[in-house]
All heavy atoms as atom14 arrays in JSON, in Angstrom:
{
  "sequence": "EESGLAINTKIVMGIAVPIVLLLSALGVWHMRKMVAERDQ",
  "atom14_mask": [
    [1, 1, 1, 1, 1, 1, 1, 1, 1, 0, 0, 0, 0, 0],
    [1, 1, 1, 1, 1, 1, 1, 1, 1, 0, 0, 0, 0, 0],
    [1, 1, 1, 1, 1, 1, 0, 0, 0, 0, 0, 0, 0, 0],
    [1, 1, 1, 1, 0, 0, 0, 0, 0, 0, 0, 0, 0, 0],
    [1, 1, 1, 1, 1, 1, 1, 1, 0, 0, 0, 0, 0, 0],
    [1, 1, 1, 1, 1, 0, 0, 0, 0, 0, 0, 0, 0, 0],
    [1, 1, 1, 1, 1, 1, 1, 1, 0, 0, 0, 0, 0, 0],
    [1, 1, 1, 1, 1, 1, 1, 1, 0, 0, 0, 0, 0, 0],
    [1, 1, 1, 1, 1, 1, 1, 0, 0, 0, 0, 0, 0, 0],
    [1, 1, 1, 1, 1, 1, 1, 1, 1, 0, 0, 0, 0, 0],
    [1, 1, 1, 1, 1, 1, 1, 1, 0, 0, 0, 0, 0, 0],
    [1, 1, 1, 1, 1, 1, 1, 0, 0, 0, 0, 0, 0, 0],
    [1, 1, 1, 1, 1, 1, 1, 1, 0, 0, 0, 0, 0, 0],
    [1, 1, 1, 1, 0, 0, 0, 0, 0, 0, 0, 0, 0, 0],
    [1, 1, 1, 1, 1, 1, 1, 1, 0, 0, 0, 0, 0, 0],
    [1, 1, 1, 1, 1, 0, 0, 0, 0, 0, 0, 0, 0, 0],
    [1, 1, 1, 1, 1, 1, 1, 0, 0, 0, 0, 0, 0, 0],
    [1, 1, 1, 1, 1, 1, 1, 0, 0, 0, 0, 0, 0, 0],
    [1, 1, 1, 1, 1, 1, 1, 1, 0, 0, 0, 0, 0, 0],
    [1, 1, 1, 1, 1, 1, 1, 0, 0, 0, 0, 0, 0, 0],
    [1, 1, 1, 1, 1, 1, 1, 1, 0, 0, 0, 0, 0, 0],
    [1, 1, 1, 1, 1, 1, 1, 1, 0, 0, 0, 0, 0, 0],
    [1, 1, 1, 1, 1, 1, 1, 1, 0, 0, 0, 0, 0, 0],
    [1, 1, 1, 1, 1, 1, 0, 0, 0, 0, 0, 0, 0, 0],
    [1, 1, 1, 1, 1, 0, 0, 0, 0, 0, 0, 0, 0, 0],
    [1, 1, 1, 1, 1, 1, 1, 1, 0, 0, 0, 0, 0, 0],
    [1, 1, 1, 1, 0, 0, 0, 0, 0, 0, 0, 0, 0, 0],
    [1, 1, 1, 1, 1, 1, 1, 0, 0, 0, 0, 0, 0, 0],
    [1, 1, 1, 1, 1, 1, 1, 1, 1, 1, 1, 1, 1, 1],
    [1, 1, 1, 1, 1, 1, 1, 1, 1, 1, 0, 0, 0, 0],
    [1, 1, 1, 1, 1, 1, 1, 1, 0, 0, 0, 0, 0, 0],
    [1, 1, 1, 1, 1, 1, 1, 1, 1, 1, 1, 0, 0, 0],
    [1, 1, 1, 1, 1, 1, 1, 1, 1, 0, 0, 0, 0, 0],
    [1, 1, 1, 1, 1, 1, 1, 1, 0, 0, 0, 0, 0, 0],
    [1, 1, 1, 1, 1, 1, 1, 0, 0, 0, 0, 0, 0, 0],
    [1, 1, 1, 1, 1, 0, 0, 0, 0, 0, 0, 0, 0, 0],
    [1, 1, 1, 1, 1, 1, 1, 1, 1, 0, 0, 0, 0, 0],
    [1, 1, 1, 1, 1, 1, 1, 1, 1, 1, 1, 0, 0, 0],
    [1, 1, 1, 1, 1, 1, 1, 1, 0, 0, 0, 0, 0, 0],
    [1, 1, 1, 1, 1, 1, 1, 1, 1, 0, 0, 0, 0, 0]
  ],
  "atom14_positions": [
    [[20.32, -1.12, 24.56], [20.3, -0.46, 23.26], [19.16, -1.02, 22.4], [18.47, -0.25, 21.67], [21.64, -0.66, 22.53], [22.76, 0.21, 23.06], [24.03, 0.03, 22.23], [23.99, -0.66, 21.18], [25.08, 0.57, 22.64], [0.0, 0.0, 0.0], [0.0, 0.0, 0.0], [0.0, 0.0, 0.0], [0.0, 0.0, 0.0], [0.0, 0.0, 0.0]],
    [[18.94, -2.29, 22.43], [17.89, -2.91, 21.65], [16.51, -2.44, 22.12], [15.55, -2.38, 21.35], [17.97, -4.44, 21.74], [19.15, -5.05, 21.01], [19.06, -4.88, 19.53], [17.93, -4.81, 19.0], [20.13, -4.77, 18.87], [0.0, 0.0, 0.0], [0.0, 0.0, 0.0], [0.0, 0.0, 0.0], [0.0, 0.0, 0.0], [0.0, 0.0, 0.0]],
    [[16.44, -2.11, 23.4], [15.14, -1.66, 23.92], [14.88, -0.19, 23.61], [13.84, 0.36, 23.95], [15.08, -1.89, 25.43], [16.06, -1.09, 26.08], [0.0, 0.0, 0.0], [0.0, 0.0, 0.0], [0.0, 0.0, 0.0], [0.0, 0.0, 0.0], [0.0, 0.0, 0.0], [0.0, 0.0, 0.0], [0.0, 0.0, 0.0], [0.0, 0.0, 0.0]],
    [[15.83, 0.5, 22.94], [15.61, 1.88, 22.53], [16.28, 2.9, 23.4], [16.13, 4.1, 23.17], [0.0, 0.0, 0.0], [0.0, 0.0, 0.0], [0.0, 0.0, 0.0], [0.0, 0.0, 0.0], [0.0, 0.0, 0.0], [0.0, 0.0, 0.0], [0.0, 0.0, 0.0], [0.0, 0.0, 0.0], [0.0, 0.0, 0.0], [0.0, 0.0, 0.0]],
    [[17.05, 2.43, 24.41], [17.74, 3.38, 25.31], [18.98, 3.89, 24.58], [19.76, 3.1, 24.01], [18.13, 2.71, 26.61], [18.67, 3.63, 27.69], [17.6, 4.67, 28.12], [19.11, 2.82, 28.91], [0.0, 0.0, 0.0], [0.0, 0.0, 0.0], [0.0, 0.0, 0.0], [0.0, 0.0, 0.0], [0.0, 0.0, 0.0], [0.0, 0.0, 0.0]],
    [[19.16, 5.18, 24.63], [20.28, 5.8, 23.89], [21.55, 5.73, 24.74], [21.85, 6.64, 25.51], [19.93, 7.23, 23.52], [0.0, 0.0, 0.0], [0.0, 0.0, 0.0], [0.0, 0.0, 0.0], [0.0, 0.0, 0.0], [0.0, 0.0, 0.0], [0.0, 0.0, 0.0], [0.0, 0.0, 0.0], [0.0, 0.0, 0.0], [0.0, 0.0, 0.0]],
    [[22.3, 4.64, 24.65], [23.6, 4.51, 25.34], [24.6, 3.9, 24.37], [24.23, 3.2, 23.42], [23.5, 3.63, 26.59], [23.03, 2.22, 26.22], [22.63, 4.25, 27.67], [23.07, 1.23, 27.38], [0.0, 0.0, 0.0], [0.0, 0.0, 0.0], [0.0, 0.0, 0.0], [0.0, 0.0, 0.0], [0.0, 0.0, 0.0], [0.0, 0.0, 0.0]],
    [[25.86, 4.14, 24.63], [26.94, 3.54, 23.84], [27.57, 2.4, 24.66], [28.27, 2.64, 25.65], [28.0, 4.6, 23.5], [28.99, 4.08, 22.47], [29.21, 2.87, 22.35], [29.57, 4.99, 21.72], [0.0, 0.0, 0.0], [0.0, 0.0, 0.0], [0.0, 0.0, 0.0], [0.0, 0.0, 0.0], [0.0, 0.0, 0.0], [0.0, 0.0, 0.0]],
    [[27.23, 1.22, 24.25], [27.66, 0.04, 25.05], [29.17, -0.07, 25.12], [29.73, -0.42, 26.17], [27.06, -1.25, 24.43], [25.64, -1.12, 24.38], [27.46, -2.46, 25.23], [0.0, 0.0, 0.0], [0.0, 0.0, 0.0], [0.0, 0.0, 0.0], [0.0, 0.0, 0.0], [0.0, 0.0, 0.0], [0.0, 0.0, 0.0], [0.0, 0.0, 0.0]],
    [[29.88, 0.23, 24.08], [31.34, 0.1, 24.1], [31.95, 1.07, 25.09], [32.94, 0.75, 25.77], [31.89, 0.36, 22.7], [31.5, -0.72, 21.71], [32.11, -0.45, 20.34], [31.74, -1.56, 19.34], [32.33, -1.34, 18.01], [0.0, 0.0, 0.0], [0.0, 0.0, 0.0], [0.0, 0.0, 0.0], [0.0, 0.0, 0.0], [0.0, 0.0, 0.0]],
    [[31.39, 2.31, 25.15], [31.92, 3.27, 26.13], [31.65, 2.8, 27.55], [32.5, 2.88, 28.44], [31.28, 4.66, 25.89], [31.71, 5.22, 24.53], [31.67, 5.63, 26.99], [31.04, 6.52, 24.14], [0.0, 0.0, 0.0], [0.0, 0.0, 0.0], [0.0, 0.0, 0.0], [0.0, 0.0, 0.0], [0.0, 0.0, 0.0], [0.0, 0.0, 0.0]],
    [[30.44, 2.24, 27.76], [30.11, 1.7, 29.1], [31.06, 0.58, 29.48], [31.53, 0.52, 30.62], [28.65, 1.23, 29.13], [28.34, 0.52, 30.42], [27.71, 2.4, 28.91], [0.0, 0.0, 0.0], [0.0, 0.0, 0.0], [0.0, 0.0, 0.0], [0.0, 0.0, 0.0], [0.0, 0.0, 0.0], [0.0, 0.0, 0.0], [0.0, 0.0, 0.0]],
    [[31.37, -0.3, 28.54], [32.27, -1.42, 28.85], [33.68, -0.9, 29.14], [34.36, -1.41, 30.04], [32.31, -2.39, 27.67], [30.99, -3.14, 27.47], [31.03, -4.23, 26.0], [32.27, -5.41, 26.49], [0.0, 0.0, 0.0], [0.0, 0.0, 0.0], [0.0, 0.0, 0.0], [0.0, 0.0, 0.0], [0.0, 0.0, 0.0], [0.0, 0.0, 0.0]],
    [[34.07, 0.15, 28.4], [35.41, 0.71, 28.65], [35.49, 1.34, 30.03], [36.51, 1.23, 30.71], [0.0, 0.0, 0.0], [0.0, 0.0, 0.0], [0.0, 0.0, 0.0], [0.0, 0.0, 0.0], [0.0, 0.0, 0.0], [0.0, 0.0, 0.0], [0.0, 0.0, 0.0], [0.0, 0.0, 0.0], [0.0, 0.0, 0.0], [0.0, 0.0, 0.0]],
    [[34.42, 2.05, 30.42], [34.42, 2.65, 31.77], [34.38, 1.56, 32.83], [34.97, 1.68, 33.91], [33.23, 3.61, 31.89], [33.37, 4.79, 30.9], [33.09, 4.12, 33.31], [32.15, 5.69, 30.81], [0.0, 0.0, 0.0], [0.0, 0.0, 0.0], [0.0, 0.0, 0.0], [0.0, 0.0, 0.0], [0.0, 0.0, 0.0], [0.0, 0.0, 0.0]],
    [[33.68, 0.44, 32.56], [33.51, -0.6, 33.58], [34.81, -1.37, 33.83], [35.0, -1.95, 34.91], [32.42, -1.57, 33.14], [0.0, 0.0, 0.0], [0.0, 0.0, 0.0], [0.0, 0.0, 0.0], [0.0, 0.0, 0.0], [0.0, 0.0, 0.0], [0.0, 0.0, 0.0], [0.0, 0.0, 0.0], [0.0, 0.0, 0.0], [0.0, 0.0, 0.0]],
    [[35.73, -1.39, 32.84], [36.97, -2.2, 33.01], [37.77, -1.78, 34.23], [38.1, -2.61, 35.09], [37.81, -2.15, 31.71], [39.18, -2.73, 31.95], [37.11, -2.89, 30.59], [0.0, 0.0, 0.0], [0.0, 0.0, 0.0], [0.0, 0.0, 0.0], [0.0, 0.0, 0.0], [0.0, 0.0, 0.0], [0.0, 0.0, 0.0], [0.0, 0.0, 0.0]],
    [[38.18, -0.52, 34.41], [38.99, -0.18, 35.58], [38.22, -0.35, 36.88], [38.79, -0.71, 37.92], [39.38, 1.27, 35.32], [38.37, 1.79, 34.37], [37.98, 0.64, 33.5], [0.0, 0.0, 0.0], [0.0, 0.0, 0.0], [0.0, 0.0, 0.0], [0.0, 0.0, 0.0], [0.0, 0.0, 0.0], [0.0, 0.0, 0.0], [0.0, 0.0, 0.0]],
    [[36.9, -0.08, 36.82], [36.12, -0.21, 38.06], [36.06, -1.67, 38.51], [36.3, -2.01, 39.67], [34.71, 0.36, 37.84], [34.78, 1.86, 37.49], [33.84, 0.12, 39.05], [33.43, 2.46, 37.11], [0.0, 0.0, 0.0], [0.0, 0.0, 0.0], [0.0, 0.0, 0.0], [0.0, 0.0, 0.0], [0.0, 0.0, 0.0], [0.0, 0.0, 0.0]],
    [[35.75, -2.54, 37.54], [35.68, -3.98, 37.89], [37.05, -4.51, 38.3], [37.18, -5.32, 39.24], [35.1, -4.77, 36.7], [35.18, -6.28, 36.97], [33.68, -4.36, 36.42], [0.0, 0.0, 0.0], [0.0, 0.0, 0.0], [0.0, 0.0, 0.0], [0.0, 0.0, 0.0], [0.0, 0.0, 0.0], [0.0, 0.0, 0.0], [0.0, 0.0, 0.0]],
    [[38.08, -4.05, 37.61], [39.43, -4.49, 37.95], [39.82, -4.12, 39.37], [40.37, -4.91, 40.15], [40.44, -3.9, 36.94], [41.9, -4.31, 37.1], [42.06, -5.81, 36.86], [42.79, -3.54, 36.12], [0.0, 0.0, 0.0], [0.0, 0.0, 0.0], [0.0, 0.0, 0.0], [0.0, 0.0, 0.0], [0.0, 0.0, 0.0], [0.0, 0.0, 0.0]],
    [[39.49, -2.87, 39.74], [39.81, -2.41, 41.1], [39.0, -3.2, 42.13], [39.54, -3.63, 43.17], [39.5, -0.91, 41.19], [39.74, -0.28, 42.57], [41.19, -0.42, 42.98], [39.32, 1.19, 42.56], [0.0, 0.0, 0.0], [0.0, 0.0, 0.0], [0.0, 0.0, 0.0], [0.0, 0.0, 0.0], [0.0, 0.0, 0.0], [0.0, 0.0, 0.0]],
    [[37.72, -3.39, 41.87], [36.9, -4.14, 42.83], [37.37, -5.59, 42.99], [37.39, -6.15, 44.09], [35.43, -4.1, 42.39], [34.75, -2.72, 42.45], [33.33, -2.79, 41.87], [34.7, -2.21, 43.89], [0.0, 0.0, 0.0], [0.0, 0.0, 0.0], [0.0, 0.0, 0.0], [0.0, 0.0, 0.0], [0.0, 0.0, 0.0], [0.0, 0.0, 0.0]],
    [[37.74, -6.19, 41.86], [38.24, -7.57, 41.92], [39.53, -7.65, 42.73], [39.72, -8.56, 43.57], [38.49, -8.11, 40.51], [37.29, -8.12, 39.77], [0.0, 0.0, 0.0], [0.0, 0.0, 0.0], [0.0, 0.0, 0.0], [0.0, 0.0, 0.0], [0.0, 0.0, 0.0], [0.0, 0.0, 0.0], [0.0, 0.0, 0.0], [0.0, 0.0, 0.0]],
    [[40.45, -6.7, 42.51], [41.7, -6.69, 43.27], [41.44, -6.5, 44.75], [42.06, -7.15, 45.61], [42.63, -5.61, 42.72], [0.0, 0.0, 0.0], [0.0, 0.0, 0.0], [0.0, 0.0, 0.0], [0.0, 0.0, 0.0], [0.0, 0.0, 0.0], [0.0, 0.0, 0.0], [0.0, 0.0, 0.0], [0.0, 0.0, 0.0], [0.0, 0.0, 0.0]],
    [[40.52, -5.56, 45.1], [40.19, -5.35, 46.5], [39.59, -6.6, 47.13], [39.86, -6.94, 48.29], [39.24, -4.15, 46.62], [39.84, -2.77, 46.35], [38.75, -1.69, 46.38], [40.92, -2.45, 47.37], [0.0, 0.0, 0.0], [0.0, 0.0, 0.0], [0.0, 0.0, 0.0], [0.0, 0.0, 0.0], [0.0, 0.0, 0.0], [0.0, 0.0, 0.0]],
    [[38.75, -7.29, 46.38], [38.13, -8.51, 46.91], [39.15, -9.61, 47.19], [39.13, -10.27, 48.24], [0.0, 0.0, 0.0], [0.0, 0.0, 0.0], [0.0, 0.0, 0.0], [0.0, 0.0, 0.0], [0.0, 0.0, 0.0], [0.0, 0.0, 0.0], [0.0, 0.0, 0.0], [0.0, 0.0, 0.0], [0.0, 0.0, 0.0], [0.0, 0.0, 0.0]],
    [[40.07, -9.8, 46.23], [41.12, -10.83, 46.45], [42.0, -10.45, 47.61], [42.4, -11.3, 48.44], [41.92, -11.01, 45.15], [43.14, -11.9, 45.41], [41.06, -11.61, 44.05], [0.0, 0.0, 0.0], [0.0, 0.0, 0.0], [0.0, 0.0, 0.0], [0.0, 0.0, 0.0], [0.0, 0.0, 0.0], [0.0, 0.0, 0.0], [0.0, 0.0, 0.0]],
    [[42.37, -9.17, 47.72], [43.22, -8.71, 48.83], [42.53, -8.93, 50.16], [43.15, -9.34, 51.14], [43.56, -7.24, 48.61], [44.3, -6.63, 49.77], [45.62, -6.72, 50.04], [43.72, -5.85, 50.83], [45.93, -6.07, 51.2], [44.78, -5.51, 51.71], [42.42, -5.42, 51.12], [44.57, -4.75, 52.86], [42.23, -4.65, 52.26], [43.28, -4.33, 53.13]],
    [[41.2, -8.63, 50.2], [40.45, -8.81, 51.44], [40.39, -10.28, 51.84], [40.53, -10.63, 53.02], [39.03, -8.23, 51.26], [38.18, -8.35, 52.49], [38.43, -7.64, 53.65], [37.07, -9.11, 52.75], [37.54, -7.94, 54.57], [36.69, -8.85, 54.04], [0.0, 0.0, 0.0], [0.0, 0.0, 0.0], [0.0, 0.0, 0.0], [0.0, 0.0, 0.0]],
    [[40.18, -11.15, 50.87], [40.13, -12.59, 51.18], [41.49, -13.09, 51.69], [41.58, -13.89, 52.64], [39.73, -13.37, 49.93], [38.27, -13.15, 49.5], [37.87, -14.08, 48.01], [38.1, -15.76, 48.61], [0.0, 0.0, 0.0], [0.0, 0.0, 0.0], [0.0, 0.0, 0.0], [0.0, 0.0, 0.0], [0.0, 0.0, 0.0], [0.0, 0.0, 0.0]],
    [[42.58, -12.63, 51.05], [43.9, -13.02, 51.52], [44.15, -12.55, 52.95], [44.74, -13.27, 53.77], [44.97, -12.45, 50.58], [46.38, -12.94, 50.9], [47.42, -12.13, 50.16], [47.22, -12.23, 48.72], [47.89, -11.47, 47.86], [48.74, -10.55, 48.31], [47.68, -11.6, 46.57], [0.0, 0.0, 0.0], [0.0, 0.0, 0.0], [0.0, 0.0, 0.0]],
    [[43.7, -11.37, 53.29], [43.89, -10.83, 54.63], [43.11, -11.64, 55.64], [43.61, -11.94, 56.75], [43.43, -9.36, 54.65], [43.63, -8.7, 56.01], [43.16, -7.23, 55.96], [43.31, -6.59, 57.33], [42.83, -5.18, 57.34], [0.0, 0.0, 0.0], [0.0, 0.0, 0.0], [0.0, 0.0, 0.0], [0.0, 0.0, 0.0], [0.0, 0.0, 0.0]],
    [[41.9, -12.04, 55.3], [41.11, -12.85, 56.22], [41.76, -14.21, 56.49], [41.81, -14.69, 57.63], [39.7, -13.04, 55.65], [38.84, -11.79, 55.63], [37.21, -12.09, 54.9], [36.59, -13.36, 56.0], [0.0, 0.0, 0.0], [0.0, 0.0, 0.0], [0.0, 0.0, 0.0], [0.0, 0.0, 0.0], [0.0, 0.0, 0.0], [0.0, 0.0, 0.0]],
    [[42.28, -14.82, 55.42], [42.95, -16.12, 55.59], [44.19, -15.97, 56.46], [44.48, -16.8, 57.33], [43.3, -16.71, 54.21], [44.18, -17.93, 54.36], [42.04, -17.06, 53.44], [0.0, 0.0, 0.0], [0.0, 0.0, 0.0], [0.0, 0.0, 0.0], [0.0, 0.0, 0.0], [0.0, 0.0, 0.0], [0.0, 0.0, 0.0], [0.0, 0.0, 0.0]],
    [[44.97, -14.89, 56.27], [46.18, -14.67, 57.07], [45.84, -14.48, 58.54], [46.52, -15.0, 59.45], [46.95, -13.47, 56.53], [0.0, 0.0, 0.0], [0.0, 0.0, 0.0], [0.0, 0.0, 0.0], [0.0, 0.0, 0.0], [0.0, 0.0, 0.0], [0.0, 0.0, 0.0], [0.0, 0.0, 0.0], [0.0, 0.0, 0.0], [0.0, 0.0, 0.0]],
    [[44.75, -13.72, 58.83], [44.35, -13.5, 60.23], [43.91, -14.8, 60.89], [44.21, -15.06, 62.06], [43.22, -12.47, 60.26], [43.67, -11.06, 59.91], [42.51, -10.06, 59.89], [41.36, -10.54, 59.98], [42.78, -8.86, 59.79], [0.0, 0.0, 0.0], [0.0, 0.0, 0.0], [0.0, 0.0, 0.0], [0.0, 0.0, 0.0], [0.0, 0.0, 0.0]],
    [[43.2, -15.65, 60.16], [42.78, -16.94, 60.72], [43.98, -17.84, 61.0], [44.02, -18.53, 62.02], [41.81, -17.61, 59.77], [40.45, -16.91, 59.7], [39.51, -17.66, 58.76], [38.22, -16.99, 58.69], [37.21, -17.42, 57.92], [37.38, -18.49, 57.15], [36.06, -16.76, 57.91], [0.0, 0.0, 0.0], [0.0, 0.0, 0.0], [0.0, 0.0, 0.0]],
    [[44.97, -17.83, 60.1], [46.17, -18.63, 60.32], [46.92, -18.16, 61.56], [47.43, -18.96, 62.36], [47.09, -18.55, 59.1], [46.54, -19.35, 57.93], [45.66, -20.21, 58.17], [47.0, -19.11, 56.79], [0.0, 0.0, 0.0], [0.0, 0.0, 0.0], [0.0, 0.0, 0.0], [0.0, 0.0, 0.0], [0.0, 0.0, 0.0], [0.0, 0.0, 0.0]],
    [[46.96, -16.82, 61.75], [47.64, -16.27, 62.9], [46.94, -16.66, 64.19], [47.56, -17.04, 65.18], [47.75, -14.76, 62.78], [48.54, -14.1, 63.92], [48.66, -12.6, 63.73], [48.14, -12.05, 62.75], [49.35, -11.95, 64.67], [0.0, 0.0, 0.0], [0.0, 0.0, 0.0], [0.0, 0.0, 0.0], [0.0, 0.0, 0.0], [0.0, 0.0, 0.0]]
  ]
}
């Protein structure tokens, strides 16, 4: 925005919340699965 690009930062952050949340949950689930397979 400071560089003159016409975007609404708050809207971008709002859209990014569910996306980041989903990716974080998938990442933790994937790591847990890998640890379980190694234990097995």
